[in-house]
N, C-alpha and C. Protein backbone atom coordinates (compact mmCIF):
# COMPACT_ATOMS: atom_id res chain seq x y z
N ASP A 1 -37.76 6.54 2.34
CA ASP A 1 -36.87 7.42 1.57
C ASP A 1 -35.90 6.56 0.76
N THR A 2 -36.14 6.49 -0.54
CA THR A 2 -35.31 5.62 -1.39
C THR A 2 -33.86 6.08 -1.46
N SER A 3 -33.64 7.39 -1.32
CA SER A 3 -32.26 7.90 -1.40
C SER A 3 -31.42 7.36 -0.25
N GLU A 4 -32.03 7.23 0.93
CA GLU A 4 -31.31 6.70 2.08
C GLU A 4 -30.98 5.23 1.86
N ILE A 5 -31.91 4.49 1.32
CA ILE A 5 -31.70 3.06 1.04
C ILE A 5 -30.60 2.89 0.00
N GLU A 6 -30.65 3.71 -1.05
CA GLU A 6 -29.62 3.65 -2.09
C GLU A 6 -28.24 3.94 -1.52
N GLN A 7 -28.19 4.91 -0.60
CA GLN A 7 -26.91 5.25 0.02
C GLN A 7 -26.40 4.09 0.88
N GLU A 8 -27.30 3.45 1.59
CA GLU A 8 -26.92 2.30 2.42
C GLU A 8 -26.37 1.17 1.56
N ILE A 9 -27.05 0.91 0.45
CA ILE A 9 -26.60 -0.15 -0.47
C ILE A 9 -25.23 0.20 -1.03
N LYS A 10 -25.06 1.47 -1.37
CA LYS A 10 -23.77 1.93 -1.91
C LYS A 10 -22.66 1.72 -0.89
N GLU A 11 -22.93 2.03 0.37
CA GLU A 11 -21.92 1.86 1.42
C GLU A 11 -21.59 0.40 1.64
N ILE A 12 -22.61 -0.45 1.58
CA ILE A 12 -22.38 -1.90 1.74
C ILE A 12 -21.51 -2.43 0.61
N LYS A 13 -21.84 -2.02 -0.62
CA LYS A 13 -21.05 -2.48 -1.77
C LYS A 13 -19.62 -1.96 -1.69
N ARG A 14 -19.48 -0.73 -1.22
CA ARG A 14 -18.15 -0.14 -1.07
C ARG A 14 -17.32 -0.94 -0.06
N ALA A 15 -17.94 -1.28 1.06
CA ALA A 15 -17.24 -2.06 2.09
C ALA A 15 -16.85 -3.44 1.58
N GLU A 16 -17.75 -4.06 0.81
CA GLU A 16 -17.46 -5.38 0.25
C GLU A 16 -16.31 -5.31 -0.75
N ARG A 17 -16.34 -4.27 -1.58
CA ARG A 17 -15.29 -4.09 -2.59
C ARG A 17 -13.94 -3.83 -1.92
N LYS A 18 -13.95 -3.00 -0.88
CA LYS A 18 -12.71 -2.70 -0.15
C LYS A 18 -12.14 -3.96 0.49
N ALA A 19 -13.02 -4.77 1.09
CA ALA A 19 -12.57 -6.01 1.73
C ALA A 19 -11.99 -6.98 0.71
N ALA A 20 -12.63 -7.04 -0.46
CA ALA A 20 -12.15 -7.95 -1.52
C ALA A 20 -10.78 -7.51 -2.05
N LEU A 21 -10.58 -6.20 -2.16
CA LEU A 21 -9.29 -5.68 -2.61
C LEU A 21 -8.20 -5.94 -1.57
N GLU A 22 -8.54 -5.68 -0.31
CA GLU A 22 -7.54 -5.82 0.75
C GLU A 22 -7.16 -7.29 0.99
N SER A 23 -8.11 -8.18 0.76
CA SER A 23 -7.83 -9.61 0.98
C SER A 23 -7.11 -10.24 -0.21
N GLY A 24 -7.13 -9.54 -1.34
CA GLY A 24 -6.51 -10.10 -2.54
C GLY A 24 -7.48 -10.89 -3.40
N GLU A 25 -8.73 -10.96 -2.96
CA GLU A 25 -9.75 -11.66 -3.75
C GLU A 25 -9.89 -11.01 -5.11
N ILE A 26 -9.80 -9.68 -5.11
CA ILE A 26 -9.75 -8.92 -6.36
C ILE A 26 -8.31 -8.45 -6.55
N ASN A 27 -7.72 -8.75 -7.69
CA ASN A 27 -6.36 -8.31 -8.00
C ASN A 27 -6.41 -6.83 -8.39
N VAL A 28 -5.93 -5.98 -7.50
CA VAL A 28 -6.04 -4.54 -7.74
C VAL A 28 -5.36 -4.10 -9.03
N TRP A 29 -4.20 -4.68 -9.33
CA TRP A 29 -3.45 -4.22 -10.50
C TRP A 29 -4.12 -4.61 -11.80
N ALA A 30 -4.93 -5.66 -11.78
CA ALA A 30 -5.67 -6.03 -12.97
C ALA A 30 -6.76 -5.00 -13.29
N GLN A 31 -7.11 -4.19 -12.28
CA GLN A 31 -8.16 -3.19 -12.46
C GLN A 31 -7.66 -1.94 -13.18
N PHE A 32 -6.34 -1.87 -13.40
CA PHE A 32 -5.77 -0.70 -14.06
C PHE A 32 -5.65 -0.87 -15.58
N ASN A 33 -6.36 -1.86 -16.13
CA ASN A 33 -6.21 -2.15 -17.56
C ASN A 33 -6.88 -1.13 -18.46
N ASP A 34 -7.59 -0.16 -17.87
CA ASP A 34 -8.19 0.89 -18.69
C ASP A 34 -7.90 2.27 -18.09
N SER A 35 -6.77 2.36 -17.38
CA SER A 35 -6.38 3.61 -16.74
C SER A 35 -4.94 3.96 -17.09
N VAL A 36 -4.59 5.23 -16.90
CA VAL A 36 -3.19 5.65 -16.98
C VAL A 36 -2.88 6.49 -15.75
N ILE A 37 -1.61 6.46 -15.36
CA ILE A 37 -1.15 7.23 -14.21
C ILE A 37 -0.14 8.25 -14.68
N LEU A 38 -0.34 9.51 -14.33
CA LEU A 38 0.59 10.58 -14.65
C LEU A 38 1.18 11.12 -13.36
N GLY A 39 2.46 11.51 -13.40
CA GLY A 39 3.00 12.09 -12.19
C GLY A 39 4.50 12.22 -12.14
N ASP A 40 5.00 12.29 -10.91
CA ASP A 40 6.42 12.50 -10.65
C ASP A 40 7.09 11.20 -10.24
N SER A 41 8.20 11.29 -9.50
CA SER A 41 8.95 10.09 -9.14
C SER A 41 8.14 9.13 -8.26
N ARG A 42 7.21 9.65 -7.50
CA ARG A 42 6.36 8.76 -6.70
C ARG A 42 5.48 7.92 -7.62
N ALA A 43 4.96 8.54 -8.68
CA ALA A 43 4.15 7.80 -9.65
C ALA A 43 4.99 6.81 -10.44
N VAL A 44 6.26 7.12 -10.64
CA VAL A 44 7.17 6.20 -11.33
C VAL A 44 7.19 4.85 -10.62
N GLY A 45 6.99 4.87 -9.30
CA GLY A 45 6.99 3.64 -8.53
C GLY A 45 5.99 2.61 -9.01
N PHE A 46 4.85 3.04 -9.57
CA PHE A 46 3.87 2.09 -10.08
C PHE A 46 4.47 1.23 -11.20
N GLU A 47 5.39 1.81 -11.95
CA GLU A 47 6.07 1.09 -13.02
C GLU A 47 7.27 0.32 -12.48
N VAL A 48 8.09 0.98 -11.68
CA VAL A 48 9.32 0.38 -11.16
C VAL A 48 9.04 -0.88 -10.34
N PHE A 49 7.96 -0.83 -9.56
CA PHE A 49 7.63 -1.97 -8.70
C PHE A 49 6.70 -2.97 -9.40
N ASP A 50 6.59 -2.85 -10.73
CA ASP A 50 5.80 -3.79 -11.54
C ASP A 50 4.34 -3.89 -11.09
N CYS A 51 3.77 -2.76 -10.72
CA CYS A 51 2.36 -2.72 -10.34
C CYS A 51 1.47 -2.53 -11.56
N VAL A 52 1.81 -1.54 -12.37
CA VAL A 52 1.03 -1.18 -13.55
C VAL A 52 1.94 -1.26 -14.78
N ASP A 53 1.41 -1.75 -15.87
CA ASP A 53 2.20 -1.87 -17.10
C ASP A 53 2.81 -0.52 -17.48
N ASP A 54 4.08 -0.57 -17.91
CA ASP A 54 4.79 0.69 -18.17
C ASP A 54 4.15 1.52 -19.29
N SER A 55 3.34 0.89 -20.14
CA SER A 55 2.65 1.64 -21.20
C SER A 55 1.54 2.52 -20.62
N ARG A 56 1.22 2.30 -19.35
CA ARG A 56 0.13 3.04 -18.72
C ARG A 56 0.63 3.99 -17.62
N VAL A 57 1.95 4.17 -17.54
CA VAL A 57 2.52 5.09 -16.57
C VAL A 57 3.29 6.18 -17.30
N PHE A 58 2.85 7.41 -17.16
CA PHE A 58 3.49 8.56 -17.78
C PHE A 58 4.01 9.44 -16.64
N ALA A 59 5.24 9.18 -16.25
CA ALA A 59 5.77 9.86 -15.06
C ALA A 59 7.29 10.02 -15.17
N ASP A 60 7.78 11.08 -14.55
CA ASP A 60 9.21 11.36 -14.56
C ASP A 60 9.61 11.99 -13.24
N ALA A 61 10.81 11.66 -12.78
CA ALA A 61 11.35 12.30 -11.58
C ALA A 61 11.44 13.81 -11.82
N GLY A 62 11.01 14.58 -10.87
CA GLY A 62 11.08 16.04 -10.99
C GLY A 62 9.93 16.67 -11.73
N ALA A 63 8.97 15.86 -12.22
CA ALA A 63 7.86 16.39 -13.01
C ALA A 63 6.88 17.20 -12.16
N THR A 64 6.30 18.21 -12.80
CA THR A 64 5.20 18.98 -12.21
C THR A 64 4.02 18.91 -13.17
N ILE A 65 2.93 19.54 -12.82
CA ILE A 65 1.75 19.51 -13.70
C ILE A 65 2.03 20.12 -15.06
N ARG A 66 3.08 20.93 -15.17
CA ARG A 66 3.40 21.52 -16.48
C ARG A 66 3.93 20.49 -17.47
N LYS A 67 4.18 19.29 -17.00
CA LYS A 67 4.64 18.20 -17.87
C LYS A 67 3.46 17.53 -18.58
N ILE A 68 2.27 17.75 -18.09
CA ILE A 68 1.08 17.05 -18.61
C ILE A 68 0.91 17.16 -20.12
N PRO A 69 1.03 18.35 -20.74
CA PRO A 69 0.83 18.43 -22.20
C PRO A 69 1.77 17.51 -22.99
N GLU A 70 2.96 17.27 -22.47
CA GLU A 70 3.92 16.41 -23.16
C GLU A 70 3.47 14.95 -23.21
N TYR A 71 2.59 14.59 -22.30
CA TYR A 71 2.13 13.20 -22.24
C TYR A 71 0.88 12.93 -23.08
N ILE A 72 0.24 13.98 -23.55
CA ILE A 72 -1.08 13.82 -24.16
C ILE A 72 -1.09 12.88 -25.38
N ASP A 73 -0.14 13.01 -26.27
CA ASP A 73 -0.13 12.14 -27.45
C ASP A 73 -0.01 10.67 -27.04
N GLY A 74 0.85 10.39 -26.07
CA GLY A 74 1.01 9.02 -25.60
C GLY A 74 -0.25 8.49 -24.93
N ILE A 75 -0.91 9.34 -24.20
CA ILE A 75 -2.15 8.94 -23.53
C ILE A 75 -3.24 8.64 -24.57
N LYS A 76 -3.31 9.47 -25.60
CA LYS A 76 -4.32 9.26 -26.64
C LYS A 76 -4.12 7.92 -27.34
N ALA A 77 -2.87 7.51 -27.46
CA ALA A 77 -2.58 6.21 -28.10
C ALA A 77 -3.09 5.05 -27.25
N VAL A 78 -3.07 5.23 -25.93
CA VAL A 78 -3.57 4.20 -25.02
C VAL A 78 -5.09 4.27 -24.89
N ASN A 79 -5.63 5.49 -25.01
CA ASN A 79 -7.08 5.74 -24.96
C ASN A 79 -7.74 5.16 -23.70
N PRO A 80 -7.33 5.63 -22.53
CA PRO A 80 -7.89 5.09 -21.29
C PRO A 80 -9.24 5.71 -20.94
N SER A 81 -9.96 5.07 -20.03
CA SER A 81 -11.21 5.66 -19.55
C SER A 81 -10.96 6.48 -18.28
N SER A 82 -9.80 6.24 -17.65
CA SER A 82 -9.46 6.97 -16.41
C SER A 82 -8.03 7.49 -16.48
N ILE A 83 -7.85 8.75 -16.08
CA ILE A 83 -6.53 9.38 -16.04
C ILE A 83 -6.28 9.82 -14.60
N ILE A 84 -5.26 9.25 -13.97
CA ILE A 84 -4.97 9.52 -12.57
C ILE A 84 -3.77 10.46 -12.47
N LEU A 85 -3.96 11.63 -11.88
CA LEU A 85 -2.89 12.62 -11.76
C LEU A 85 -2.27 12.56 -10.36
N CYS A 86 -0.96 12.28 -10.31
CA CYS A 86 -0.25 12.13 -9.03
C CYS A 86 0.95 13.08 -8.98
N PHE A 87 0.68 14.36 -8.87
CA PHE A 87 1.72 15.37 -8.83
C PHE A 87 1.72 16.07 -7.47
N GLY A 88 2.68 16.99 -7.27
CA GLY A 88 2.62 17.85 -6.10
C GLY A 88 3.91 18.07 -5.34
N ILE A 89 4.71 17.03 -5.16
CA ILE A 89 5.90 17.18 -4.32
C ILE A 89 6.89 18.18 -4.93
N ASN A 90 7.08 18.12 -6.24
CA ASN A 90 7.98 19.06 -6.91
C ASN A 90 7.31 20.42 -7.11
N ASP A 91 6.00 20.38 -7.34
CA ASP A 91 5.25 21.60 -7.59
C ASP A 91 5.41 22.60 -6.43
N LEU A 92 5.43 22.07 -5.21
CA LEU A 92 5.61 22.93 -4.05
C LEU A 92 7.05 23.41 -3.90
N SER A 93 8.00 22.48 -4.00
CA SER A 93 9.39 22.82 -3.69
C SER A 93 10.04 23.73 -4.72
N ILE A 94 9.65 23.59 -5.98
CA ILE A 94 10.27 24.41 -7.03
C ILE A 94 9.87 25.88 -6.88
N GLY A 95 8.65 26.11 -6.38
CA GLY A 95 8.21 27.48 -6.12
C GLY A 95 7.63 28.22 -7.31
N LEU A 96 7.17 27.48 -8.32
CA LEU A 96 6.56 28.12 -9.48
C LEU A 96 5.23 28.77 -9.12
N TRP A 97 4.59 28.23 -8.10
CA TRP A 97 3.29 28.74 -7.66
C TRP A 97 3.41 29.15 -6.19
N PRO A 98 3.56 30.42 -5.91
CA PRO A 98 3.72 30.89 -4.53
C PRO A 98 2.55 30.52 -3.61
N THR A 99 1.35 30.44 -4.20
CA THR A 99 0.18 30.09 -3.40
C THR A 99 -0.57 28.92 -4.02
N CYS A 100 -1.36 28.24 -3.20
CA CYS A 100 -2.15 27.13 -3.71
C CYS A 100 -3.21 27.62 -4.70
N GLU A 101 -3.71 28.82 -4.48
CA GLU A 101 -4.72 29.38 -5.39
C GLU A 101 -4.17 29.50 -6.81
N GLU A 102 -2.92 29.97 -6.93
CA GLU A 102 -2.30 30.08 -8.25
C GLU A 102 -2.06 28.70 -8.86
N TYR A 103 -1.70 27.77 -8.01
CA TYR A 103 -1.48 26.39 -8.46
C TYR A 103 -2.77 25.78 -8.99
N ILE A 104 -3.85 25.98 -8.26
CA ILE A 104 -5.15 25.45 -8.67
C ILE A 104 -5.58 26.01 -10.01
N THR A 105 -5.33 27.30 -10.23
CA THR A 105 -5.70 27.93 -11.50
C THR A 105 -5.02 27.22 -12.67
N GLU A 106 -3.72 26.93 -12.52
CA GLU A 106 -3.02 26.26 -13.61
C GLU A 106 -3.40 24.78 -13.69
N TYR A 107 -3.66 24.18 -12.54
CA TYR A 107 -4.10 22.76 -12.53
C TYR A 107 -5.39 22.62 -13.33
N ASP A 108 -6.32 23.55 -13.14
CA ASP A 108 -7.57 23.54 -13.91
C ASP A 108 -7.30 23.60 -15.41
N GLN A 109 -6.35 24.42 -15.79
CA GLN A 109 -6.00 24.56 -17.21
C GLN A 109 -5.46 23.25 -17.78
N MET A 110 -4.62 22.59 -17.00
CA MET A 110 -4.04 21.32 -17.45
C MET A 110 -5.10 20.23 -17.56
N ILE A 111 -6.02 20.21 -16.61
CA ILE A 111 -7.10 19.23 -16.66
C ILE A 111 -7.98 19.48 -17.87
N GLN A 112 -8.21 20.76 -18.17
CA GLN A 112 -9.01 21.10 -19.34
C GLN A 112 -8.34 20.60 -20.63
N LYS A 113 -7.02 20.72 -20.71
CA LYS A 113 -6.30 20.22 -21.88
C LYS A 113 -6.51 18.71 -22.04
N LEU A 114 -6.45 17.99 -20.92
CA LEU A 114 -6.68 16.54 -20.97
C LEU A 114 -8.11 16.22 -21.40
N GLN A 115 -9.05 16.95 -20.85
CA GLN A 115 -10.46 16.70 -21.17
C GLN A 115 -10.79 17.01 -22.62
N GLU A 116 -10.12 18.03 -23.16
CA GLU A 116 -10.34 18.36 -24.57
C GLU A 116 -9.74 17.30 -25.48
N ALA A 117 -8.57 16.77 -25.08
CA ALA A 117 -7.89 15.76 -25.90
C ALA A 117 -8.53 14.38 -25.77
N LEU A 118 -9.06 14.09 -24.56
CA LEU A 118 -9.68 12.78 -24.31
C LEU A 118 -11.04 12.99 -23.64
N PRO A 119 -12.02 13.44 -24.41
CA PRO A 119 -13.33 13.79 -23.84
C PRO A 119 -14.08 12.64 -23.18
N ASP A 120 -13.74 11.41 -23.53
CA ASP A 120 -14.46 10.27 -22.96
C ASP A 120 -13.80 9.74 -21.68
N ALA A 121 -12.66 10.30 -21.32
CA ALA A 121 -11.94 9.84 -20.12
C ALA A 121 -12.30 10.70 -18.91
N THR A 122 -12.26 10.09 -17.74
CA THR A 122 -12.47 10.82 -16.49
C THR A 122 -11.11 11.12 -15.87
N VAL A 123 -10.88 12.38 -15.52
CA VAL A 123 -9.62 12.79 -14.91
C VAL A 123 -9.78 12.81 -13.39
N TYR A 124 -8.84 12.16 -12.70
CA TYR A 124 -8.84 12.11 -11.23
C TYR A 124 -7.60 12.83 -10.71
N VAL A 125 -7.76 13.54 -9.60
CA VAL A 125 -6.62 14.19 -8.96
C VAL A 125 -6.33 13.48 -7.64
N ASN A 126 -5.10 13.00 -7.50
CA ASN A 126 -4.70 12.34 -6.26
C ASN A 126 -4.14 13.37 -5.28
N SER A 127 -4.44 13.20 -4.01
CA SER A 127 -3.88 14.10 -3.01
C SER A 127 -2.36 13.95 -2.99
N ILE A 128 -1.69 14.99 -2.51
CA ILE A 128 -0.22 14.98 -2.45
C ILE A 128 0.23 14.22 -1.21
N ILE A 129 1.07 13.22 -1.39
CA ILE A 129 1.60 12.49 -0.23
C ILE A 129 2.50 13.45 0.55
N PRO A 130 2.22 13.68 1.84
CA PRO A 130 3.06 14.58 2.62
C PRO A 130 4.50 14.08 2.73
N ALA A 131 5.41 15.00 2.93
CA ALA A 131 6.80 14.63 3.21
C ALA A 131 6.95 14.48 4.72
N THR A 132 8.02 13.84 5.14
CA THR A 132 8.30 13.70 6.56
C THR A 132 9.81 13.81 6.77
N ASP A 133 10.24 13.95 8.01
CA ASP A 133 11.68 14.04 8.26
C ASP A 133 12.40 12.84 7.68
N PRO A 134 13.59 13.01 7.08
CA PRO A 134 14.41 14.24 7.02
C PRO A 134 14.18 15.10 5.78
N ALA A 135 13.06 14.93 5.09
CA ALA A 135 12.81 15.62 3.82
C ALA A 135 12.81 17.14 3.95
N PHE A 136 12.41 17.65 5.13
CA PHE A 136 12.30 19.09 5.30
C PHE A 136 13.65 19.80 5.25
N GLN A 137 14.72 19.04 5.35
CA GLN A 137 16.05 19.63 5.18
C GLN A 137 16.24 20.09 3.73
N LYS A 138 15.49 19.47 2.81
CA LYS A 138 15.57 19.84 1.39
C LYS A 138 14.60 20.97 1.05
N SER A 139 13.43 20.95 1.68
CA SER A 139 12.45 21.99 1.38
C SER A 139 11.48 22.18 2.54
N GLU A 140 11.49 23.36 3.11
CA GLU A 140 10.54 23.69 4.17
C GLU A 140 9.12 23.85 3.60
N LYS A 141 9.04 24.10 2.29
CA LYS A 141 7.73 24.27 1.64
C LYS A 141 6.87 23.02 1.79
N TRP A 142 7.50 21.87 1.93
CA TRP A 142 6.74 20.62 2.03
C TRP A 142 5.90 20.54 3.30
N ARG A 143 6.18 21.41 4.27
CA ARG A 143 5.35 21.44 5.47
C ARG A 143 3.94 21.94 5.15
N GLU A 144 3.79 22.58 3.99
CA GLU A 144 2.50 23.13 3.59
C GLU A 144 1.60 22.12 2.88
N ILE A 145 2.11 20.92 2.63
CA ILE A 145 1.35 19.93 1.85
C ILE A 145 -0.04 19.64 2.44
N PRO A 146 -0.18 19.41 3.76
CA PRO A 146 -1.53 19.14 4.28
C PRO A 146 -2.51 20.28 4.00
N ASP A 147 -2.04 21.52 4.11
CA ASP A 147 -2.91 22.66 3.84
C ASP A 147 -3.28 22.72 2.36
N TRP A 148 -2.31 22.47 1.49
CA TRP A 148 -2.60 22.46 0.06
C TRP A 148 -3.60 21.35 -0.28
N ASN A 149 -3.45 20.20 0.36
CA ASN A 149 -4.38 19.10 0.10
C ASN A 149 -5.81 19.49 0.45
N GLU A 150 -5.99 20.20 1.54
CA GLU A 150 -7.33 20.64 1.95
C GLU A 150 -7.93 21.57 0.90
N GLN A 151 -7.10 22.48 0.40
CA GLN A 151 -7.59 23.43 -0.60
C GLN A 151 -7.88 22.73 -1.93
N LEU A 152 -7.01 21.81 -2.31
CA LEU A 152 -7.22 21.06 -3.56
C LEU A 152 -8.50 20.24 -3.48
N LYS A 153 -8.68 19.56 -2.36
CA LYS A 153 -9.87 18.72 -2.19
C LYS A 153 -11.13 19.56 -2.26
N ALA A 154 -11.16 20.67 -1.56
CA ALA A 154 -12.34 21.54 -1.56
C ALA A 154 -12.64 22.06 -2.96
N HIS A 155 -11.59 22.45 -3.67
CA HIS A 155 -11.78 23.00 -5.02
C HIS A 155 -12.31 21.95 -5.98
N PHE A 156 -11.67 20.78 -6.02
CA PHE A 156 -12.07 19.78 -7.01
C PHE A 156 -13.42 19.14 -6.68
N GLU A 157 -13.76 19.07 -5.41
CA GLU A 157 -15.10 18.60 -5.06
C GLU A 157 -16.15 19.59 -5.55
N GLU A 158 -15.80 20.86 -5.50
CA GLU A 158 -16.72 21.91 -5.96
C GLU A 158 -16.87 21.89 -7.47
N THR A 159 -15.78 21.61 -8.19
CA THR A 159 -15.82 21.64 -9.66
C THR A 159 -16.20 20.29 -10.26
N GLY A 160 -16.32 19.26 -9.42
CA GLY A 160 -16.76 17.96 -9.93
C GLY A 160 -15.66 17.06 -10.45
N VAL A 161 -14.41 17.41 -10.19
CA VAL A 161 -13.29 16.55 -10.57
C VAL A 161 -13.05 15.56 -9.42
N PRO A 162 -13.14 14.26 -9.66
CA PRO A 162 -12.96 13.29 -8.57
C PRO A 162 -11.59 13.45 -7.91
N PHE A 163 -11.60 13.50 -6.58
CA PHE A 163 -10.38 13.69 -5.81
C PHE A 163 -10.10 12.43 -4.99
N ILE A 164 -8.92 11.86 -5.18
CA ILE A 164 -8.54 10.63 -4.47
C ILE A 164 -7.70 11.04 -3.27
N ASP A 165 -8.33 11.02 -2.11
CA ASP A 165 -7.67 11.46 -0.88
C ASP A 165 -7.05 10.24 -0.19
N ILE A 166 -5.71 10.15 -0.22
CA ILE A 166 -5.05 9.01 0.41
C ILE A 166 -4.40 9.39 1.74
N THR A 167 -4.89 10.47 2.34
CA THR A 167 -4.36 10.90 3.63
C THR A 167 -4.46 9.79 4.67
N GLU A 168 -5.59 9.10 4.69
CA GLU A 168 -5.79 8.03 5.67
C GLU A 168 -4.80 6.89 5.46
N GLU A 169 -4.59 6.53 4.20
CA GLU A 169 -3.66 5.43 3.90
C GLU A 169 -2.24 5.80 4.33
N VAL A 170 -1.84 7.05 4.09
CA VAL A 170 -0.50 7.48 4.49
C VAL A 170 -0.36 7.48 6.01
N GLU A 171 -1.39 7.96 6.70
CA GLU A 171 -1.36 7.99 8.17
C GLU A 171 -1.23 6.59 8.75
N GLU A 172 -1.94 5.65 8.15
CA GLU A 172 -1.95 4.29 8.66
C GLU A 172 -0.64 3.55 8.38
N HIS A 173 0.10 4.02 7.39
CA HIS A 173 1.30 3.28 6.99
C HIS A 173 2.53 4.19 6.95
N LYS A 174 2.71 4.96 7.99
CA LYS A 174 3.87 5.85 8.08
C LYS A 174 5.19 5.08 8.06
N ASP A 175 5.11 3.81 8.46
CA ASP A 175 6.32 2.98 8.48
C ASP A 175 6.80 2.62 7.07
N LEU A 176 5.99 2.96 6.06
CA LEU A 176 6.35 2.61 4.69
C LEU A 176 6.96 3.77 3.90
N TYR A 177 7.33 4.84 4.61
CA TYR A 177 8.12 5.89 3.96
C TYR A 177 9.53 5.35 3.72
N ASP A 178 10.14 5.76 2.61
CA ASP A 178 11.54 5.43 2.37
C ASP A 178 12.39 6.32 3.28
N VAL A 179 13.68 6.04 3.34
CA VAL A 179 14.56 6.74 4.28
C VAL A 179 14.65 8.24 4.00
N ASP A 180 14.34 8.65 2.77
CA ASP A 180 14.45 10.08 2.44
C ASP A 180 13.25 10.89 2.93
N GLY A 181 12.20 10.23 3.40
CA GLY A 181 11.03 10.94 3.87
C GLY A 181 10.18 11.52 2.75
N ILE A 182 10.50 11.17 1.52
CA ILE A 182 9.79 11.69 0.34
C ILE A 182 9.06 10.57 -0.40
N HIS A 183 9.79 9.53 -0.69
CA HIS A 183 9.23 8.43 -1.47
C HIS A 183 8.66 7.34 -0.57
N MET A 184 7.92 6.44 -1.19
CA MET A 184 7.28 5.37 -0.44
C MET A 184 7.86 4.01 -0.86
N ARG A 185 7.85 3.09 0.06
CA ARG A 185 8.35 1.75 -0.23
C ARG A 185 7.34 0.97 -1.07
N LYS A 186 7.82 -0.09 -1.66
CA LYS A 186 6.99 -0.90 -2.56
C LYS A 186 5.68 -1.32 -1.90
N GLU A 187 5.73 -1.69 -0.63
CA GLU A 187 4.54 -2.21 0.05
C GLU A 187 3.40 -1.20 0.10
N PHE A 188 3.73 0.09 0.08
CA PHE A 188 2.68 1.11 0.17
C PHE A 188 1.82 1.16 -1.08
N TYR A 189 2.37 0.78 -2.22
CA TYR A 189 1.66 0.94 -3.49
C TYR A 189 0.39 0.09 -3.55
N LEU A 190 0.34 -0.99 -2.82
CA LEU A 190 -0.88 -1.79 -2.79
C LEU A 190 -2.02 -0.99 -2.15
N TYR A 191 -1.74 -0.31 -1.05
CA TYR A 191 -2.75 0.51 -0.39
C TYR A 191 -3.14 1.70 -1.26
N TRP A 192 -2.15 2.28 -1.91
CA TRP A 192 -2.41 3.41 -2.81
C TRP A 192 -3.27 2.96 -3.99
N GLY A 193 -2.90 1.83 -4.58
CA GLY A 193 -3.66 1.30 -5.71
C GLY A 193 -5.10 0.99 -5.34
N ASN A 194 -5.30 0.43 -4.15
CA ASN A 194 -6.66 0.13 -3.68
C ASN A 194 -7.48 1.41 -3.58
N ALA A 195 -6.90 2.47 -3.02
CA ALA A 195 -7.61 3.74 -2.87
C ALA A 195 -7.99 4.32 -4.22
N ILE A 196 -7.11 4.21 -5.20
CA ILE A 196 -7.39 4.72 -6.54
C ILE A 196 -8.57 3.95 -7.15
N ILE A 197 -8.50 2.62 -7.11
CA ILE A 197 -9.53 1.80 -7.74
C ILE A 197 -10.89 1.96 -7.04
N MET A 198 -10.87 2.15 -5.73
CA MET A 198 -12.12 2.40 -5.02
C MET A 198 -12.81 3.64 -5.57
N GLU A 199 -12.04 4.69 -5.81
CA GLU A 199 -12.61 5.94 -6.32
C GLU A 199 -13.04 5.78 -7.77
N VAL A 200 -12.21 5.13 -8.57
CA VAL A 200 -12.54 4.93 -9.99
C VAL A 200 -13.82 4.11 -10.14
N THR A 201 -13.94 3.05 -9.34
CA THR A 201 -15.12 2.19 -9.41
C THR A 201 -16.38 2.96 -9.07
N GLU A 202 -16.29 3.86 -8.11
CA GLU A 202 -17.47 4.63 -7.72
C GLU A 202 -17.91 5.62 -8.80
N ASN A 203 -16.99 5.96 -9.69
CA ASN A 203 -17.32 6.94 -10.74
C ASN A 203 -17.64 6.30 -12.07
N GLU A 204 -17.63 4.99 -12.12
CA GLU A 204 -17.90 4.32 -13.39
C GLU A 204 -19.39 4.39 -13.72
């Protein structure tokens, strides 16, 4: 069965690529030279911590997916092959979408706008990094993030939009949350960047 062999080879290559990224043999940030990152204050960290060139980070504190159309002209100027969407923390707390189903409906619309403006680029959706104590003092809605992630993942896998699930990375590095329980420390971005590039590489 050639399909089984192909899958085995794919898994071997994936493991080798992951090991090379984790060891530093491959410079993960050099792999972002044809990508852009969109998102909120968590995504801003890619720029603030000098991970990705600021011309490739379109992010603002407090941003939700409704900010995406404002970034389109700037993204077109960069003309990337990959667009990474890192939203969610504000989307839940602001309450514009009472349910995940309503959120997904608008998320699809925003992705469609990107695809129409940049038909040659692949749009990726990153899972929402969960909040942790003491963040829930600001918003109890953040307790719903794991459930929303499950629904988002199921939906985008069904529609063919690549979904970057970093749940495992967050679980493994809970010590890298900032004191607010919302943002992540600089050290976490290496693990996040690796997860993004692993997914992007598989879709090339």
